[in-house]
Amino acid sequence: MDFTSFSLMMDIFPLIILFVYGYKFKYKPPKYGSDQGLRTAYSTMHEEAWKYGHSFAGNLCLLFGTLETLAVVTKYSIYGFNSPMALDLAVVGVALLFVFLLMPLMNLQIKSVYGSPKDTKKKKK
C-alpha cells in the first residue's frame, strides 16, 4: 500500500465512524444502562437524560462528520492526491478533536437541560 491509498484511507475512516455512530446514536440509541452507550454521570441520571444525551451526541457526530467531509473534499479539490503531509495530519487531527470533544459537549448539554447528578439526588430525598 502506497502513501496515497493510506492517506485516502485515513481521511475516509473517521468519516465512516462519525456518520455510523451519528446515525446510531440519533435514531437507534443503546438501551438505558447498557455497556454500549456513552456512559457518563450525567447521561446515566435517568432514562430521559440517556436518550436526550445520545440524540444530542448523534447530532454532533453528524455535524462533525459533515464538517470533516467538507475539509476532506476541499483538501482533495485543491491538492488532489499530492497534498502535503502536514495537511493530511491536520485533517486527521481535526477528526480526532471532534471525537474527543463529543462527550464533554454532551455532558454540558445534559447538565444545562437536566441539572447535575447531585441536584437530582437532592430532589429525590
Protein backbone atom coordinates (compact mmCIF):
# COMPACT_ATOMS: atom_id res chain seq x y z
CA MET A 1 0.00 0.00 0.00
CA ASP A 2 1.47 3.30 -1.04
CA PHE A 3 1.15 6.57 0.84
CA THR A 4 -1.67 7.88 -1.37
CA SER A 5 -4.01 5.00 -0.58
CA PHE A 6 -3.04 5.17 3.11
CA SER A 7 -3.78 8.90 3.16
CA LEU A 8 -7.14 8.35 1.47
CA MET A 9 -7.98 5.60 3.96
CA MET A 10 -7.04 7.84 6.90
CA ASP A 11 -9.34 10.54 5.52
CA ILE A 12 -12.31 8.27 4.92
CA PHE A 13 -12.14 6.08 8.05
CA PRO A 14 -13.01 8.86 10.57
CA LEU A 15 -15.87 9.96 8.32
CA ILE A 16 -17.36 6.49 8.34
CA ILE A 17 -17.07 6.28 12.12
CA LEU A 18 -18.67 9.71 12.65
CA PHE A 19 -21.59 9.03 10.31
CA VAL A 20 -22.25 5.49 11.54
CA TYR A 21 -22.23 6.48 15.21
CA GLY A 22 -24.15 9.67 14.46
CA TYR A 23 -26.93 7.68 12.85
CA LYS A 24 -26.84 5.01 15.55
CA PHE A 25 -26.98 7.43 18.49
CA LYS A 26 -29.59 9.70 16.94
CA TYR A 27 -32.05 7.13 15.60
CA LYS A 28 -31.26 3.89 17.46
CA PRO A 29 -29.66 4.75 20.80
CA PRO A 30 -28.48 1.87 23.01
CA LYS A 31 -30.77 0.74 25.78
CA TYR A 32 -30.55 2.64 29.03
CA GLY A 33 -27.77 1.32 31.24
CA SER A 34 -26.16 -0.86 28.58
CA ASP A 35 -22.40 -1.02 28.17
CA GLN A 36 -22.55 0.18 24.56
CA GLY A 37 -23.57 3.78 25.15
CA LEU A 38 -21.78 6.95 26.19
CA ARG A 39 -21.86 6.34 29.93
CA THR A 40 -21.24 9.45 31.99
CA ALA A 41 -22.54 10.67 35.34
CA TYR A 42 -24.93 12.96 33.51
CA SER A 43 -26.22 10.50 30.91
CA THR A 44 -26.90 7.78 33.50
CA MET A 45 -29.02 10.02 35.75
CA HIS A 46 -32.24 8.63 34.28
CA GLU A 47 -33.55 7.19 31.04
CA GLU A 48 -34.75 10.51 29.65
CA ALA A 49 -31.28 12.07 30.06
CA TRP A 50 -29.78 8.94 28.44
CA LYS A 51 -31.98 9.27 25.35
CA TYR A 52 -31.53 13.03 25.14
CA GLY A 53 -27.74 12.78 25.52
CA HIS A 54 -27.41 10.12 22.84
CA SER A 55 -29.66 12.05 20.47
CA PHE A 56 -27.53 15.15 21.05
CA ALA A 57 -24.32 13.13 20.57
CA GLY A 58 -25.75 11.72 17.34
CA ASN A 59 -26.47 15.22 16.07
CA LEU A 60 -22.92 16.27 16.98
CA CYS A 61 -21.42 13.26 15.18
CA LEU A 62 -23.44 14.05 12.07
CA LEU A 63 -22.43 17.72 12.25
CA PHE A 64 -18.75 16.89 12.83
CA GLY A 65 -18.87 14.30 10.04
CA THR A 66 -20.28 16.88 7.65
CA LEU A 67 -17.61 19.42 8.60
CA GLU A 68 -14.89 16.78 8.24
CA THR A 69 -16.29 15.78 4.84
CA LEU A 70 -16.08 19.40 3.71
CA ALA A 71 -12.46 19.58 4.91
CA VAL A 72 -11.51 16.37 3.07
CA VAL A 73 -13.30 17.38 -0.15
CA THR A 74 -11.65 20.81 -0.03
CA LYS A 75 -8.25 19.23 0.52
CA TYR A 76 -8.62 16.87 -2.44
CA SER A 77 -10.11 19.54 -4.70
CA ILE A 78 -7.17 21.88 -4.07
CA TYR A 79 -4.25 19.44 -3.86
CA GLY A 80 -5.56 16.23 -5.39
CA PHE A 81 -3.68 13.21 -4.09
CA ASN A 82 -0.44 15.18 -3.72
CA SER A 83 -1.33 17.10 -0.58
CA PRO A 84 1.40 17.97 1.93
CA MET A 85 1.79 15.54 4.82
CA ALA A 86 1.19 18.34 7.33
CA LEU A 87 -2.24 18.95 5.78
CA ASP A 88 -3.05 15.23 5.94
CA LEU A 89 -2.11 15.17 9.62
CA ALA A 90 -4.13 18.33 10.28
CA VAL A 91 -7.28 16.82 8.74
CA VAL A 92 -6.89 13.62 10.78
CA GLY A 93 -6.15 15.71 13.88
CA VAL A 94 -9.35 17.68 13.43
CA ALA A 95 -11.29 14.41 13.19
CA LEU A 96 -9.71 13.20 16.44
CA LEU A 97 -10.52 16.53 18.07
CA PHE A 98 -14.16 16.08 17.08
CA VAL A 99 -14.22 12.64 18.65
CA PHE A 100 -12.61 13.84 21.88
CA LEU A 101 -15.00 16.82 22.16
CA LEU A 102 -18.07 14.63 21.83
CA MET A 103 -18.50 13.54 25.47
CA PRO A 104 -17.69 16.88 27.15
CA LEU A 105 -20.13 18.69 24.87
CA MET A 106 -22.78 16.05 25.53
CA ASN A 107 -22.28 16.39 29.29
CA LEU A 108 -22.57 20.19 29.14
CA GLN A 109 -25.81 19.94 27.18
CA ILE A 110 -27.35 17.37 29.55
CA LYS A 111 -26.26 19.46 32.54
CA SER A 112 -27.87 22.58 31.07
CA VAL A 113 -31.17 20.74 30.47
CA TYR A 114 -31.42 18.35 33.45
CA GLY A 115 -29.02 19.79 36.03
CA SER A 116 -26.21 17.92 37.72
CA PRO A 117 -26.48 14.41 39.19
CA LYS A 118 -26.13 15.90 42.70
CA ASP A 119 -29.22 18.05 42.10
CA THR A 120 -31.33 15.05 41.13
CA LYS A 121 -30.22 13.15 44.25
CA LYS A 122 -31.30 16.08 46.44
CA LYS A 123 -34.69 16.27 44.72
CA LYS A 124 -35.36 12.57 45.35
CA LYS A 125 -34.85 12.90 49.13
